[in-house]
Amino acid sequence: MGEVTPAEDRARFEVLPFPGIVEEAARLPRPVRVTVTCSPVHGPDRALEAARGLRQLGHSVTVHVAARMVRDRDHLGRLLAGLTDAGVDDLFLIGGDIEDPVGEFASAVDLLPLVVDRAQRPEMIGIAGYPEGHPRISAEDLDRALRDKSRLADYVVTQMCFDPDALQTWIVRQREQGMELPVVIGMPGRVARRKMLKMSVRIGVGPSIDFLRKQKGLRRLLSRRSTADRLYDCLVPLLDDPDLAVAGFQYFTFNELLQTWEWHHKKVLSDREGSPTRRGTAGHPGISAQESRS
């Protein structure tokens, strides 16, 4: 299938901590960066359990922690100790979508300072960005929270969005407002269309889906070429814009991990034929802990 250098492989692969995902990850031909979501049902402890299995296979792992699912400071300490023991070097901190927090933390803003102050904090900490807004949070509050979190985090991952113009507009606006963290663009991987759309609605992807339906663009978007192909081709030029500081992509695989990796691998090989090698690392695509905190 050809070789892809670490500098070219600026990708993360998000999975759900469901049965069979470790076995699916074992099918990959080489180690990658796998990010494990925090299930609203099982919480960060299940994500940590899956992370241990993925690390034993040699993959680099990012574990999602939802602040609303952390019971108390002791629970946080056990989670961070578990990440250290498992060899997990990256934590992605979100607020979480459950209605009522299980403990004292209502948002990532509440929890992030405590994570940063812990001796066992991971090397890297990521936070979420919302190019299409959030159904429960105003745009002003989202911007304020991003500013507060950016002072303590190392990178931002955008929530999944199907609109490349909305993504670029959001990144440009954040740069104009002084946000300097590397941005990892969240986008769907090469997943069956029905499954992708069904799961996208379930996880709350917003206006871009509604827009496509209203404008009859959904049929056009999904015909001839996949959503992932179209988005990738629109967004990959952003990697070469130093003012945007886009670090890479995070693919929402819906646990079709091998299929998404194979698609990404082919896209990078094809892109390499017409573009110079881009900067970055396979472990943390385009992200340096030292640079992101400077």
C-alpha atoms as a PDB file:
ATOM      1  CA  MET A   1       0.000   0.000   0.000  1.00  0.00           C
ATOM      2  CA  GLY A   2       3.064   2.245   0.220  1.00  0.00           C
ATOM      3  CA  GLU A   3       4.823   3.937   3.092  1.00  0.00           C
ATOM      4  CA  VAL A   4       3.672   7.094   4.846  1.00  0.00           C
ATOM      5  CA  THR A   5       6.232   9.017   6.866  1.00  0.00           C
ATOM      6  CA  PRO A   6       5.420  10.218  10.399  1.00  0.00           C
ATOM      7  CA  ALA A   7       5.518  13.816   9.150  1.00  0.00           C
ATOM      8  CA  GLU A   8       2.723  13.035   6.709  1.00  0.00           C
ATOM      9  CA  ASP A   9       0.469  11.017   8.985  1.00  0.00           C
ATOM     10  CA  ARG A  10      -1.250  13.827  10.860  1.00  0.00           C
ATOM     11  CA  ALA A  11      -4.257  11.861  12.003  1.00  0.00           C
ATOM     12  CA  ARG A  12      -6.057  10.620  15.075  1.00  0.00           C
ATOM     13  CA  PHE A  13      -8.758   7.960  15.032  1.00  0.00           C
ATOM     14  CA  GLU A  14     -11.636   8.274  17.469  1.00  0.00           C
ATOM     15  CA  VAL A  15     -13.345   5.109  18.691  1.00  0.00           C
ATOM     16  CA  LEU A  16     -16.144   4.204  21.059  1.00  0.00           C
ATOM     17  CA  PRO A  17     -15.193   1.962  24.043  1.00  0.00           C
ATOM     18  CA  PHE A  18     -17.525  -0.813  22.946  1.00  0.00           C
ATOM     19  CA  PRO A  19     -16.809  -4.565  22.886  1.00  0.00           C
ATOM     20  CA  GLY A  20     -14.543  -5.582  20.033  1.00  0.00           C
ATOM     21  CA  ILE A  21     -12.713  -2.297  19.550  1.00  0.00           C
ATOM     22  CA  VAL A  22      -9.394  -3.635  20.885  1.00  0.00           C
ATOM     23  CA  GLU A  23      -9.660  -6.582  18.502  1.00  0.00           C
ATOM     24  CA  GLU A  24     -10.419  -4.161  15.659  1.00  0.00           C
ATOM     25  CA  ALA A  25      -7.364  -2.076  16.574  1.00  0.00           C
ATOM     26  CA  ALA A  26      -5.221  -5.223  16.501  1.00  0.00           C
ATOM     27  CA  ARG A  27      -5.955  -5.472  12.771  1.00  0.00           C
ATOM     28  CA  LEU A  28      -4.148  -2.216  12.000  1.00  0.00           C
ATOM     29  CA  PRO A  29      -0.807  -2.768  10.268  1.00  0.00           C
ATOM     30  CA  ARG A  30       1.050  -0.315  12.486  1.00  0.00           C
ATOM     31  CA  PRO A  31       0.530   1.805  15.621  1.00  0.00           C
ATOM     32  CA  VAL A  32      -1.565   4.954  15.335  1.00  0.00           C
ATOM     33  CA  ARG A  33      -3.041   7.577  17.648  1.00  0.00           C
ATOM     34  CA  VAL A  34      -6.397   6.282  18.911  1.00  0.00           C
ATOM     35  CA  THR A  35      -8.721   8.497  20.925  1.00  0.00           C
ATOM     36  CA  VAL A  36     -11.284   6.776  23.149  1.00  0.00           C
ATOM     37  CA  THR A  37     -14.568   8.532  23.829  1.00  0.00           C
ATOM     38  CA  CYS A  38     -16.273   8.857  27.201  1.00  0.00           C
ATOM     39  CA  SER A  39     -19.536   6.924  27.011  1.00  0.00           C
ATOM     40  CA  PRO A  40     -22.515   8.682  28.652  1.00  0.00           C
ATOM     41  CA  VAL A  41     -23.481   5.293  30.083  1.00  0.00           C
ATOM     42  CA  HIS A  42     -20.162   3.946  31.350  1.00  0.00           C
ATOM     43  CA  GLY A  43     -18.128   7.120  31.813  1.00  0.00           C
ATOM     44  CA  PRO A  44     -14.371   7.659  31.749  1.00  0.00           C
ATOM     45  CA  ASP A  45     -13.622   4.421  33.593  1.00  0.00           C
ATOM     46  CA  ARG A  46     -14.737   2.366  30.586  1.00  0.00           C
ATOM     47  CA  ALA A  47     -12.643   4.574  28.324  1.00  0.00           C
ATOM     48  CA  LEU A  48      -9.626   3.941  30.530  1.00  0.00           C
ATOM     49  CA  GLU A  49     -10.274   0.201  30.419  1.00  0.00           C
ATOM     50  CA  ALA A  50     -10.278   0.245  26.607  1.00  0.00           C
ATOM     51  CA  ALA A  51      -7.164   2.429  26.607  1.00  0.00           C
ATOM     52  CA  ARG A  52      -5.207  -0.202  28.507  1.00  0.00           C
ATOM     53  CA  GLY A  53      -5.926  -2.784  25.823  1.00  0.00           C
ATOM     54  CA  LEU A  54      -5.025  -0.363  23.038  1.00  0.00           C
ATOM     55  CA  ARG A  55      -1.740   0.575  24.717  1.00  0.00           C
ATOM     56  CA  GLN A  56      -0.815  -3.106  25.033  1.00  0.00           C
ATOM     57  CA  LEU A  57      -1.058  -3.294  21.245  1.00  0.00           C
ATOM     58  CA  GLY A  58       1.436  -0.431  20.943  1.00  0.00           C
ATOM     59  CA  HIS A  59      -0.979   2.315  19.921  1.00  0.00           C
ATOM     60  CA  SER A  60      -0.694   5.840  21.285  1.00  0.00           C
ATOM     61  CA  VAL A  61      -3.889   6.641  23.145  1.00  0.00           C
ATOM     62  CA  THR A  62      -5.898   9.704  24.056  1.00  0.00           C
ATOM     63  CA  VAL A  63      -8.621   9.216  26.665  1.00  0.00           C
ATOM     64  CA  HIS A  64     -11.705  11.435  26.747  1.00  0.00           C
ATOM     65  CA  VAL A  65     -12.850  12.522  30.190  1.00  0.00           C
ATOM     66  CA  ALA A  66     -16.220  14.219  30.627  1.00  0.00           C
ATOM     67  CA  ALA A  67     -16.139  16.601  33.592  1.00  0.00           C
ATOM     68  CA  ARG A  68     -19.798  15.928  34.395  1.00  0.00           C
ATOM     69  CA  MET A  69     -18.986  12.235  34.865  1.00  0.00           C
ATOM     70  CA  VAL A  70     -16.147  12.748  37.355  1.00  0.00           C
ATOM     71  CA  ARG A  71     -17.594  12.098  40.804  1.00  0.00           C
ATOM     72  CA  ASP A  72     -15.094  13.975  42.954  1.00  0.00           C
ATOM     73  CA  ARG A  73     -11.411  14.801  43.368  1.00  0.00           C
ATOM     74  CA  ASP A  74     -10.599  11.283  44.512  1.00  0.00           C
ATOM     75  CA  HIS A  75     -12.199   9.901  41.353  1.00  0.00           C
ATOM     76  CA  LEU A  76     -10.122  12.352  39.312  1.00  0.00           C
ATOM     77  CA  GLY A  77      -6.978  11.197  41.087  1.00  0.00           C
ATOM     78  CA  ARG A  78      -7.745   7.558  40.334  1.00  0.00           C
ATOM     79  CA  LEU A  79      -8.383   8.356  36.681  1.00  0.00           C
ATOM     80  CA  LEU A  80      -5.114  10.248  36.305  1.00  0.00           C
ATOM     81  CA  ALA A  81      -3.195   7.506  38.102  1.00  0.00           C
ATOM     82  CA  GLY A  82      -4.804   4.945  35.810  1.00  0.00           C
ATOM     83  CA  LEU A  83      -3.755   6.936  32.743  1.00  0.00           C
ATOM     84  CA  THR A  84      -0.180   7.042  34.016  1.00  0.00           C
ATOM     85  CA  ASP A  85      -0.131   3.317  34.777  1.00  0.00           C
ATOM     86  CA  ALA A  86      -1.505   2.521  31.320  1.00  0.00           C
ATOM     87  CA  GLY A  87       1.076   4.709  29.594  1.00  0.00           C
ATOM     88  CA  VAL A  88      -1.525   7.153  28.283  1.00  0.00           C
ATOM     89  CA  ASP A  89       0.095  10.513  27.579  1.00  0.00           C
ATOM     90  CA  ASP A  90      -2.905  12.523  26.378  1.00  0.00           C
ATOM     91  CA  LEU A  91      -6.229  13.513  27.937  1.00  0.00           C
ATOM     92  CA  PHE A  92      -9.074  15.164  26.035  1.00  0.00           C
ATOM     93  CA  LEU A  93     -11.257  17.046  28.490  1.00  0.00           C
ATOM     94  CA  ILE A  94     -14.868  17.883  27.660  1.00  0.00           C
ATOM     95  CA  GLY A  95     -17.871  18.970  29.673  1.00  0.00           C
ATOM     96  CA  GLY A  96     -20.070  16.012  28.778  1.00  0.00           C
ATOM     97  CA  ASP A  97     -23.665  15.823  27.635  1.00  0.00           C
ATOM     98  CA  ILE A  98     -25.402  14.181  30.577  1.00  0.00           C
ATOM     99  CA  GLU A  99     -28.144  16.401  32.010  1.00  0.00           C
ATOM    100  CA  ASP A 100     -27.024  16.391  35.641  1.00  0.00           C
ATOM    101  CA  PRO A 101     -23.382  16.111  36.761  1.00  0.00           C
ATOM    102  CA  VAL A 102     -22.632  13.081  38.915  1.00  0.00           C
ATOM    103  CA  GLY A 103     -20.409  15.227  41.129  1.00  0.00           C
ATOM    104  CA  GLU A 104     -19.184  18.758  41.687  1.00  0.00           C
ATOM    105  CA  PHE A 105     -17.919  19.498  38.150  1.00  0.00           C
ATOM    106  CA  ALA A 106     -20.342  21.001  35.656  1.00  0.00           C
ATOM    107  CA  SER A 107     -17.897  21.809  32.854  1.00  0.00           C
ATOM    108  CA  ALA A 108     -14.376  21.377  31.541  1.00  0.00           C
ATOM    109  CA  VAL A 109     -13.670  24.903  32.807  1.00  0.00           C
ATOM    110  CA  ASP A 110     -14.326  23.663  36.349  1.00  0.00           C
ATOM    111  CA  LEU A 111     -12.139  20.575  36.092  1.00  0.00           C
ATOM    112  CA  LEU A 112      -9.215  21.653  33.920  1.00  0.00           C
ATOM    113  CA  PRO A 113      -7.306  23.647  36.594  1.00  0.00           C
ATOM    114  CA  LEU A 114      -7.398  20.642  38.916  1.00  0.00           C
ATOM    115  CA  VAL A 115      -6.057  18.340  36.193  1.00  0.00           C
ATOM    116  CA  VAL A 116      -3.221  20.712  35.365  1.00  0.00           C
ATOM    117  CA  ASP A 117      -2.182  21.012  39.019  1.00  0.00           C
ATOM    118  CA  ARG A 118      -1.944  17.250  39.566  1.00  0.00           C
ATOM    119  CA  ALA A 119       1.507  15.680  39.627  1.00  0.00           C
ATOM    120  CA  GLN A 120       0.243  12.831  37.432  1.00  0.00           C
ATOM    121  CA  ARG A 121      -1.257  15.040  34.761  1.00  0.00           C
ATOM    122  CA  PRO A 122      -0.744  13.711  31.213  1.00  0.00           C
ATOM    123  CA  GLU A 123       1.855  15.246  28.946  1.00  0.00           C
ATOM    124  CA  MET A 124      -0.842  16.668  26.662  1.00  0.00           C
ATOM    125  CA  ILE A 125      -4.319  18.036  27.370  1.00  0.00           C
ATOM    126  CA  GLY A 126      -6.847  18.774  24.668  1.00  0.00           C
ATOM    127  CA  ILE A 127     -10.081  20.746  24.761  1.00  0.00           C
ATOM    128  CA  ALA A 128     -13.106  20.995  22.450  1.00  0.00           C
ATOM    129  CA  GLY A 129     -14.034  23.692  19.953  1.00  0.00           C
ATOM    130  CA  TYR A 130     -17.500  24.174  18.472  1.00  0.00           C
ATOM    131  CA  PRO A 131     -17.505  25.601  14.926  1.00  0.00           C
ATOM    132  CA  GLU A 132     -21.299  25.281  14.723  1.00  0.00           C
ATOM    133  CA  GLY A 133     -22.068  26.219  18.302  1.00  0.00           C
ATOM    134  CA  HIS A 134     -23.583  24.111  21.044  1.00  0.00           C
ATOM    135  CA  PRO A 135     -27.322  23.501  21.530  1.00  0.00           C
ATOM    136  CA  ARG A 136     -27.134  24.302  25.244  1.00  0.00           C
ATOM    137  CA  ILE A 137     -24.459  27.000  25.390  1.00  0.00           C
ATOM    138  CA  SER A 138     -24.533  30.484  23.902  1.00  0.00           C
ATOM    139  CA  ALA A 139     -21.863  31.608  21.444  1.00  0.00           C
ATOM    140  CA  GLU A 140     -20.610  34.177  23.945  1.00  0.00           C
ATOM    141  CA  ASP A 141     -20.242  31.594  26.701  1.00  0.00           C
ATOM    142  CA  LEU A 142     -18.482  29.191  24.314  1.00  0.00           C
ATOM    143  CA  ASP A 143     -15.956  31.853  23.364  1.00  0.00           C
ATOM    144  CA  ARG A 144     -15.381  32.778  26.999  1.00  0.00           C
ATOM    145  CA  ALA A 145     -14.886  29.156  27.992  1.00  0.00           C
ATOM    146  CA  LEU A 146     -12.465  28.570  25.118  1.00  0.00           C
ATOM    147  CA  ARG A 147     -10.375  31.551  26.191  1.00  0.00           C
ATOM    148  CA  ASP A 148     -10.280  30.309  29.784  1.00  0.00           C
ATOM    149  CA  LYS A 149      -9.390  26.729  28.819  1.00  0.00           C
ATOM    150  CA  SER A 150      -6.820  27.746  26.203  1.00  0.00           C
ATOM    151  CA  ARG A 151      -4.549  29.160  28.890  1.00  0.00           C
ATOM    152  CA  LEU A 152      -4.106  25.679  30.355  1.00  0.00           C
ATOM    153  CA  ALA A 153      -4.495  23.305  27.387  1.00  0.00           C
ATOM    154  CA  ASP A 154      -2.208  22.156  24.582  1.00  0.00           C
ATOM    155  CA  TYR A 155      -4.532  21.795  21.609  1.00  0.00           C
ATOM    156  CA  VAL A 156      -8.144  22.103  20.430  1.00  0.00           C
ATOM    157  CA  VAL A 157     -10.213  19.484  18.587  1.00  0.00           C
ATOM    158  CA  THR A 158     -13.258  20.744  16.727  1.00  0.00           C
ATOM    159  CA  GLN A 159     -16.518  18.885  17.106  1.00  0.00           C
ATOM    160  CA  MET A 160     -17.546  17.046  13.954  1.00  0.00           C
ATOM    161  CA  CYS A 161     -18.709  19.401  11.236  1.00  0.00           C
ATOM    162  CA  PHE A 162     -19.684  18.739   7.611  1.00  0.00           C
ATOM    163  CA  ASP A 163     -19.212  22.325   6.453  1.00  0.00           C
ATOM    164  CA  PRO A 164     -15.613  23.235   5.472  1.00  0.00           C
ATOM    165  CA  ASP A 165     -16.460  26.935   5.229  1.00  0.00           C
ATOM    166  CA  ALA A 166     -17.829  26.952   8.768  1.00  0.00           C
ATOM    167  CA  LEU A 167     -14.680  25.245  10.014  1.00  0.00           C
ATOM    168  CA  GLN A 168     -12.318  27.673   8.333  1.00  0.00           C
ATOM    169  CA  THR A 169     -14.368  30.677   9.419  1.00  0.00           C
ATOM    170  CA  TRP A 170     -14.299  29.470  13.019  1.00  0.00           C
ATOM    171  CA  ILE A 171     -10.538  28.911  13.001  1.00  0.00           C
ATOM    172  CA  VAL A 172      -9.869  32.320  11.453  1.00  0.00           C
ATOM    173  CA  ARG A 173     -12.130  34.006  14.011  1.00  0.00           C
ATOM    174  CA  GLN A 174     -10.412  32.260  16.905  1.00  0.00           C
ATOM    175  CA  ARG A 175      -7.002  33.288  15.602  1.00  0.00           C
ATOM    176  CA  GLU A 176      -8.193  36.889  15.292  1.00  0.00           C
ATOM    177  CA  GLN A 177      -9.339  36.720  18.908  1.00  0.00           C
ATOM    178  CA  GLY A 178      -5.912  35.548  20.038  1.00  0.00           C
ATOM    179  CA  MET A 179      -6.337  31.782  20.411  1.00  0.00           C
ATOM    180  CA  GLU A 180      -2.925  30.267  19.619  1.00  0.00           C
ATOM    181  CA  LEU A 181      -3.393  26.558  20.323  1.00  0.00           C
ATOM    182  CA  PRO A 182      -2.956  24.066  17.473  1.00  0.00           C
ATOM    183  CA  VAL A 183      -6.313  23.018  16.023  1.00  0.00           C
ATOM    184  CA  VAL A 184      -7.144  19.415  15.141  1.00  0.00           C
ATOM    185  CA  ILE A 185     -10.119  19.244  12.789  1.00  0.00           C
ATOM    186  CA  GLY A 186     -12.766  16.683  13.731  1.00  0.00           C
ATOM    187  CA  MET A 187     -14.400  15.065  10.709  1.00  0.00           C
ATOM    188  CA  PRO A 188     -16.055  11.778   9.741  1.00  0.00           C
ATOM    189  CA  GLY A 189     -13.889   8.985   8.436  1.00  0.00           C
ATOM    190  CA  ARG A 190     -14.787   6.743   5.536  1.00  0.00           C
ATOM    191  CA  VAL A 191     -17.904   5.227   7.104  1.00  0.00           C
ATOM    192  CA  ALA A 192     -21.067   3.794   5.558  1.00  0.00           C
ATOM    193  CA  ARG A 193     -23.328   6.738   4.762  1.00  0.00           C
ATOM    194  CA  ARG A 194     -26.410   5.498   6.575  1.00  0.00           C
ATOM    195  CA  LYS A 195     -24.408   4.691   9.683  1.00  0.00           C
ATOM    196  CA  MET A 196     -22.580   8.023   9.611  1.00  0.00           C
ATOM    197  CA  LEU A 197     -25.740  10.091   9.311  1.00  0.00           C
ATOM    198  CA  LYS A 198     -27.610   8.069  11.913  1.00  0.00           C
ATOM    199  CA  MET A 199     -24.752   8.321  14.403  1.00  0.00           C
ATOM    200  CA  SER A 200     -24.154  12.002  13.587  1.00  0.00           C
ATOM    201  CA  VAL A 201     -27.698  12.857  14.587  1.00  0.00           C
ATOM    202  CA  ARG A 202     -27.352  10.788  17.771  1.00  0.00           C
ATOM    203  CA  ILE A 203     -24.160  12.581  18.861  1.00  0.00           C
ATOM    204  CA  GLY A 204     -25.583  16.005  18.107  1.00  0.00           C
ATOM    205  CA  VAL A 205     -23.942  17.268  14.916  1.00  0.00           C
ATOM    206  CA  GLY A 206     -25.763  20.490  14.267  1.00  0.00           C
ATOM    207  CA  PRO A 207     -26.650  23.016  11.599  1.00  0.00           C
ATOM    208  CA  SER A 208     -24.648  21.532   8.730  1.00  0.00           C
ATOM    209  CA  ILE A 209     -26.839  18.385   8.678  1.00  0.00           C
ATOM    210  CA  ASP A 210     -30.024  20.478   8.791  1.00  0.00           C
ATOM    211  CA  PHE A 211     -28.677  22.770   6.106  1.00  0.00           C
ATOM    212  CA  LEU A 212     -27.904  19.863   3.801  1.00  0.00           C
ATOM    213  CA  ARG A 213     -31.395  18.472   4.220  1.00  0.00           C
ATOM    214  CA  LYS A 214     -33.132  21.796   3.636  1.00  0.00           C
ATOM    215  CA  GLN A 215     -30.989  22.681   0.633  1.00  0.00           C
ATOM    216  CA  LYS A 216     -31.213  19.231  -0.943  1.00  0.00           C
ATOM    217  CA  GLY A 217     -27.446  19.165  -0.676  1.00  0.00           C
ATOM    218  CA  LEU A 218     -27.361  15.874   1.143  1.00  0.00           C
ATOM    219  CA  ARG A 219     -27.953  13.888  -2.040  1.00  0.00           C
ATOM    220  CA  ARG A 220     -25.285  15.863  -3.862  1.00  0.00           C
ATOM    221  CA  LEU A 221     -22.812  15.541  -1.002  1.00  0.00           C
ATOM    222  CA  LEU A 222     -23.251  11.788  -0.745  1.00  0.00           C
ATOM    223  CA  SER A 223     -23.351  10.991  -4.440  1.00  0.00           C
ATOM    224  CA  ARG A 224     -20.351   9.999  -6.547  1.00  0.00           C
ATOM    225  CA  ARG A 225     -17.845  10.682  -3.776  1.00  0.00           C
ATOM    226  CA  SER A 226     -18.051  10.094  -0.060  1.00  0.00           C
ATOM    227  CA  THR A 227     -18.550  12.804   2.522  1.00  0.00           C
ATOM    228  CA  ALA A 228     -15.105  12.026   3.902  1.00  0.00           C
ATOM    229  CA  ASP A 229     -13.448  12.454   0.490  1.00  0.00           C
ATOM    230  CA  ARG A 230     -15.124  15.785  -0.154  1.00  0.00           C
ATOM    231  CA  LEU A 231     -14.339  17.163   3.293  1.00  0.00           C
ATOM    232  CA  TYR A 232     -10.748  15.954   3.213  1.00  0.00           C
ATOM    233  CA  ASP A 233     -10.112  17.492  -0.196  1.00  0.00           C
ATOM    234  CA  CYS A 234     -11.606  20.804   0.943  1.00  0.00           C
ATOM    235  CA  LEU A 235      -9.772  20.885   4.253  1.00  0.00           C
ATOM    236  CA  VAL A 236      -6.332  19.444   3.547  1.00  0.00           C
ATOM    237  CA  PRO A 237      -5.050  22.757   2.048  1.00  0.00           C
ATOM    238  CA  LEU A 238      -5.566  24.334   5.479  1.00  0.00           C
ATOM    239  CA  LEU A 239      -2.637  22.249   6.767  1.00  0.00           C
ATOM    240  CA  ASP A 240      -0.290  24.375   4.691  1.00  0.00           C
ATOM    241  CA  ASP A 241      -1.476  27.736   6.059  1.00  0.00           C
ATOM    242  CA  PRO A 242       0.856  28.725   8.908  1.00  0.00           C
ATOM    243  CA  ASP A 243      -1.543  31.408  10.123  1.00  0.00           C
ATOM    244  CA  LEU A 244      -4.251  28.825  10.791  1.00  0.00           C
ATOM    245  CA  ALA A 245      -1.944  26.357  12.616  1.00  0.00           C
ATOM    246  CA  VAL A 246      -4.091  23.335  11.784  1.00  0.00           C
ATOM    247  CA  ALA A 247      -2.307  20.330  13.260  1.00  0.00           C
ATOM    248  CA  GLY A 248      -4.186  17.545  11.506  1.00  0.00           C
ATOM    249  CA  PHE A 249      -7.417  15.573  11.517  1.00  0.00           C
ATOM    250  CA  GLN A 250      -9.332  13.540  14.070  1.00  0.00           C
ATOM    251  CA  TYR A 251     -11.514  10.990  12.316  1.00  0.00           C
ATOM    252  CA  PHE A 252     -14.749   9.842  13.910  1.00  0.00           C
ATOM    253  CA  THR A 253     -14.587   6.189  12.875  1.00  0.00           C
ATOM    254  CA  PHE A 254     -17.776   4.910  14.565  1.00  0.00           C
ATOM    255  CA  ASN A 255     -15.515   1.904  15.280  1.00  0.00           C
ATOM    256  CA  GLU A 256     -14.882   1.185  11.592  1.00  0.00           C
ATOM    257  CA  LEU A 257     -11.265   1.756  12.498  1.00  0.00           C
ATOM    258  CA  LEU A 258      -9.412  -0.345   9.945  1.00  0.00           C
ATOM    259  CA  GLN A 259     -11.576   0.884   7.088  1.00  0.00           C
ATOM    260  CA  THR A 260     -11.016   4.512   8.102  1.00  0.00           C
ATOM    261  CA  TRP A 261      -7.265   4.013   8.472  1.00  0.00           C
ATOM    262  CA  GLU A 262      -6.990   2.402   5.042  1.00  0.00           C
ATOM    263  CA  TRP A 263      -8.922   5.259   3.471  1.00  0.00           C
ATOM    264  CA  HIS A 264      -6.776   7.883   5.230  1.00  0.00           C
ATOM    265  CA  HIS A 265      -3.590   6.085   4.221  1.00  0.00           C
ATOM    266  CA  LYS A 266      -4.603   6.148   0.552  1.00  0.00           C
ATOM    267  CA  LYS A 267      -5.573   9.821   0.759  1.00  0.00           C
ATOM    268  CA  VAL A 268      -2.194  10.761   2.216  1.00  0.00           C
ATOM    269  CA  LEU A 269      -0.336   8.779  -0.433  1.00  0.00           C
ATOM    270  CA  SER A 270      -2.372  10.476  -3.144  1.00  0.00           C
ATOM    271  CA  ASP A 271      -1.885  13.885  -1.573  1.00  0.00           C
ATOM    272  CA  ARG A 272       1.868  13.295  -1.286  1.00  0.00           C
ATOM    273  CA  GLU A 273       2.190  13.000  -5.053  1.00  0.00           C
ATOM    274  CA  GLY A 274       1.193  16.627  -5.473  1.00  0.00           C
ATOM    275  CA  SER A 275       2.285  18.295  -2.241  1.00  0.00           C
ATOM    276  CA  PRO A 276       5.525  18.710  -0.274  1.00  0.00           C
ATOM    277  CA  THR A 277       5.863  16.769   2.965  1.00  0.00           C
ATOM    278  CA  ARG A 278       4.040  18.507   5.778  1.00  0.00           C
ATOM    279  CA  ARG A 279       5.271  18.927   9.291  1.00  0.00           C
ATOM    280  CA  GLY A 280       3.944  16.910  12.228  1.00  0.00           C
ATOM    281  CA  THR A 281       4.358  13.694  14.151  1.00  0.00           C
ATOM    282  CA  ALA A 282       2.352  10.506  14.181  1.00  0.00           C
ATOM    283  CA  GLY A 283       1.944  10.555  17.953  1.00  0.00           C
ATOM    284  CA  HIS A 284       0.669  14.126  18.303  1.00  0.00           C
ATOM    285  CA  PRO A 285       0.042  15.397  14.790  1.00  0.00           C
ATOM    286  CA  GLY A 286       1.675  18.790  14.498  1.00  0.00           C
ATOM    287  CA  ILE A 287       1.515  19.338  18.269  1.00  0.00           C
ATOM    288  CA  SER A 288       4.398  19.952  20.616  1.00  0.00           C
ATOM    289  CA  ALA A 289       3.742  20.274  24.333  1.00  0.00           C
ATOM    290  CA  GLN A 290       6.535  22.794  24.691  1.00  0.00           C
ATOM    291  CA  GLU A 291       5.348  24.899  21.757  1.00  0.00           C
ATOM    292  CA  SER A 292       1.676  24.780  22.669  1.00  0.00           C
ATOM    293  CA  ARG A 293       2.306  26.082  26.176  1.00  0.00           C
ATOM    294  CA  SER A 294       4.788  28.781  25.135  1.00  0.00           C
END
